[in-house]
Amino acid sequence: MARPIKETPTLYGADARRFEQMIANPKPASREEKERIRRTYEAMKAIATFPVL
């Protein structure tokens, strides 16, 4: 049987400000990172099989 999921802790002070700033100004992904993600996606798509209902 699975254990219950704990509540997410609330951020306060500097941690909360840093989190809000990171969410408001996301760092763009590099071209290399996008290419790595695309290759991984294509590899997973190639091996995925789903039954037709």
N, C-alpha and C. Protein backbone atom coordinates (compact mmCIF):
# COMPACT_ATOMS: atom_id res chain seq x y z
N MET A 1 0.84 -1.17 0.00
CA MET A 1 0.00 0.00 0.00
C MET A 1 0.89 1.25 0.00
N ALA A 2 0.51 2.24 -0.77
CA ALA A 2 1.31 3.46 -0.90
C ALA A 2 1.20 4.33 0.34
N ARG A 3 2.28 5.05 0.61
CA ARG A 3 2.25 5.99 1.72
C ARG A 3 1.59 7.29 1.27
N PRO A 4 0.91 7.99 2.17
CA PRO A 4 0.27 9.25 1.78
C PRO A 4 1.32 10.31 1.41
N ILE A 5 0.93 11.18 0.50
CA ILE A 5 1.82 12.26 0.07
C ILE A 5 1.74 13.39 1.09
N LYS A 6 2.89 13.86 1.54
CA LYS A 6 2.93 14.94 2.52
C LYS A 6 2.59 16.27 1.85
N GLU A 7 2.13 17.22 2.63
CA GLU A 7 1.83 18.54 2.11
C GLU A 7 3.12 19.23 1.67
N THR A 8 3.00 20.07 0.63
CA THR A 8 4.14 20.84 0.17
C THR A 8 4.40 21.96 1.16
N PRO A 9 5.63 22.12 1.61
CA PRO A 9 5.91 23.17 2.58
C PRO A 9 5.74 24.57 1.96
N THR A 10 5.33 25.53 2.76
CA THR A 10 5.17 26.91 2.33
C THR A 10 6.50 27.62 2.42
N LEU A 11 6.84 28.41 1.40
CA LEU A 11 8.09 29.17 1.39
C LEU A 11 7.86 30.53 2.01
N TYR A 12 8.83 31.01 2.77
CA TYR A 12 8.77 32.31 3.41
C TYR A 12 10.06 33.06 3.15
N GLY A 13 10.00 34.38 3.26
CA GLY A 13 11.19 35.22 3.22
C GLY A 13 11.96 35.16 1.92
N ALA A 14 13.28 35.05 2.04
CA ALA A 14 14.17 35.07 0.88
C ALA A 14 13.89 33.89 -0.05
N ASP A 15 13.56 32.75 0.50
CA ASP A 15 13.25 31.58 -0.34
C ASP A 15 12.04 31.85 -1.22
N ALA A 16 11.01 32.47 -0.66
CA ALA A 16 9.80 32.78 -1.42
C ALA A 16 10.09 33.81 -2.51
N ARG A 17 10.86 34.84 -2.19
CA ARG A 17 11.22 35.86 -3.18
C ARG A 17 12.04 35.26 -4.31
N ARG A 18 13.00 34.41 -3.97
CA ARG A 18 13.85 33.77 -4.98
C ARG A 18 13.01 32.87 -5.89
N PHE A 19 12.07 32.12 -5.32
CA PHE A 19 11.20 31.25 -6.10
C PHE A 19 10.33 32.06 -7.05
N GLU A 20 9.72 33.14 -6.57
CA GLU A 20 8.89 33.99 -7.42
C GLU A 20 9.71 34.59 -8.56
N GLN A 21 10.93 35.00 -8.28
CA GLN A 21 11.79 35.57 -9.31
C GLN A 21 12.16 34.52 -10.36
N MET A 22 12.44 33.31 -9.92
CA MET A 22 12.77 32.24 -10.86
C MET A 22 11.58 31.89 -11.75
N ILE A 23 10.37 31.91 -11.20
CA ILE A 23 9.17 31.61 -11.98
C ILE A 23 8.88 32.74 -12.97
N ALA A 24 9.07 33.99 -12.55
CA ALA A 24 8.79 35.14 -13.41
C ALA A 24 9.81 35.28 -14.54
N ASN A 25 11.04 34.84 -14.34
CA ASN A 25 12.11 35.00 -15.33
C ASN A 25 12.80 33.66 -15.59
N PRO A 26 12.13 32.75 -16.30
CA PRO A 26 12.75 31.45 -16.55
C PRO A 26 13.97 31.56 -17.47
N LYS A 27 14.95 30.73 -17.21
CA LYS A 27 16.17 30.71 -18.02
C LYS A 27 15.87 29.95 -19.32
N PRO A 28 16.12 30.54 -20.48
CA PRO A 28 15.82 29.84 -21.73
C PRO A 28 16.71 28.61 -21.91
N ALA A 29 16.14 27.59 -22.54
CA ALA A 29 16.89 26.36 -22.79
C ALA A 29 17.87 26.59 -23.94
N SER A 30 19.05 26.03 -23.82
CA SER A 30 20.04 26.17 -24.88
C SER A 30 19.67 25.29 -26.07
N ARG A 31 20.27 25.58 -27.21
CA ARG A 31 20.03 24.79 -28.42
C ARG A 31 20.41 23.33 -28.19
N GLU A 32 21.52 23.10 -27.48
CA GLU A 32 21.97 21.73 -27.21
C GLU A 32 20.97 20.98 -26.32
N GLU A 33 20.44 21.68 -25.32
CA GLU A 33 19.47 21.06 -24.42
C GLU A 33 18.18 20.70 -25.18
N LYS A 34 17.73 21.59 -26.05
CA LYS A 34 16.54 21.31 -26.86
C LYS A 34 16.77 20.11 -27.77
N GLU A 35 17.95 20.03 -28.36
CA GLU A 35 18.27 18.90 -29.24
C GLU A 35 18.32 17.60 -28.44
N ARG A 36 18.90 17.63 -27.25
CA ARG A 36 18.95 16.44 -26.40
C ARG A 36 17.54 15.98 -26.04
N ILE A 37 16.68 16.91 -25.71
CA ILE A 37 15.30 16.58 -25.36
C ILE A 37 14.57 15.98 -26.57
N ARG A 38 14.79 16.57 -27.75
CA ARG A 38 14.14 16.06 -28.96
C ARG A 38 14.59 14.65 -29.28
N ARG A 39 15.90 14.38 -29.16
CA ARG A 39 16.42 13.02 -29.42
C ARG A 39 15.83 12.02 -28.44
N THR A 40 15.73 12.39 -27.18
CA THR A 40 15.15 11.51 -26.17
C THR A 40 13.68 11.24 -26.47
N TYR A 41 12.95 12.28 -26.86
CA TYR A 41 11.54 12.11 -27.21
C TYR A 41 11.39 11.15 -28.38
N GLU A 42 12.19 11.34 -29.42
CA GLU A 42 12.12 10.47 -30.60
C GLU A 42 12.45 9.02 -30.23
N ALA A 43 13.42 8.82 -29.35
CA ALA A 43 13.78 7.46 -28.93
C ALA A 43 12.63 6.81 -28.16
N MET A 44 12.00 7.55 -27.27
CA MET A 44 10.87 6.99 -26.52
C MET A 44 9.68 6.73 -27.43
N LYS A 45 9.44 7.61 -28.37
CA LYS A 45 8.33 7.42 -29.32
C LYS A 45 8.54 6.18 -30.17
N ALA A 46 9.80 5.90 -30.52
CA ALA A 46 10.11 4.75 -31.36
C ALA A 46 9.87 3.42 -30.65
N ILE A 47 10.04 3.38 -29.34
CA ILE A 47 9.87 2.11 -28.62
C ILE A 47 8.51 1.96 -27.95
N ALA A 48 7.70 3.04 -27.97
CA ALA A 48 6.40 3.00 -27.30
C ALA A 48 5.39 2.23 -28.16
N THR A 49 4.67 1.32 -27.51
CA THR A 49 3.58 0.62 -28.18
C THR A 49 2.37 0.65 -27.26
N PHE A 50 1.24 0.98 -27.83
CA PHE A 50 0.01 1.06 -27.06
C PHE A 50 -1.04 0.20 -27.71
N PRO A 51 -1.79 -0.56 -26.92
CA PRO A 51 -2.84 -1.42 -27.52
C PRO A 51 -3.98 -0.56 -28.06
N VAL A 52 -4.53 -1.00 -29.18
CA VAL A 52 -5.66 -0.31 -29.78
C VAL A 52 -6.92 -0.91 -29.17
N LEU A 53 -7.76 -0.07 -28.64
CA LEU A 53 -8.99 -0.55 -28.00
C LEU A 53 -10.16 -0.45 -28.94
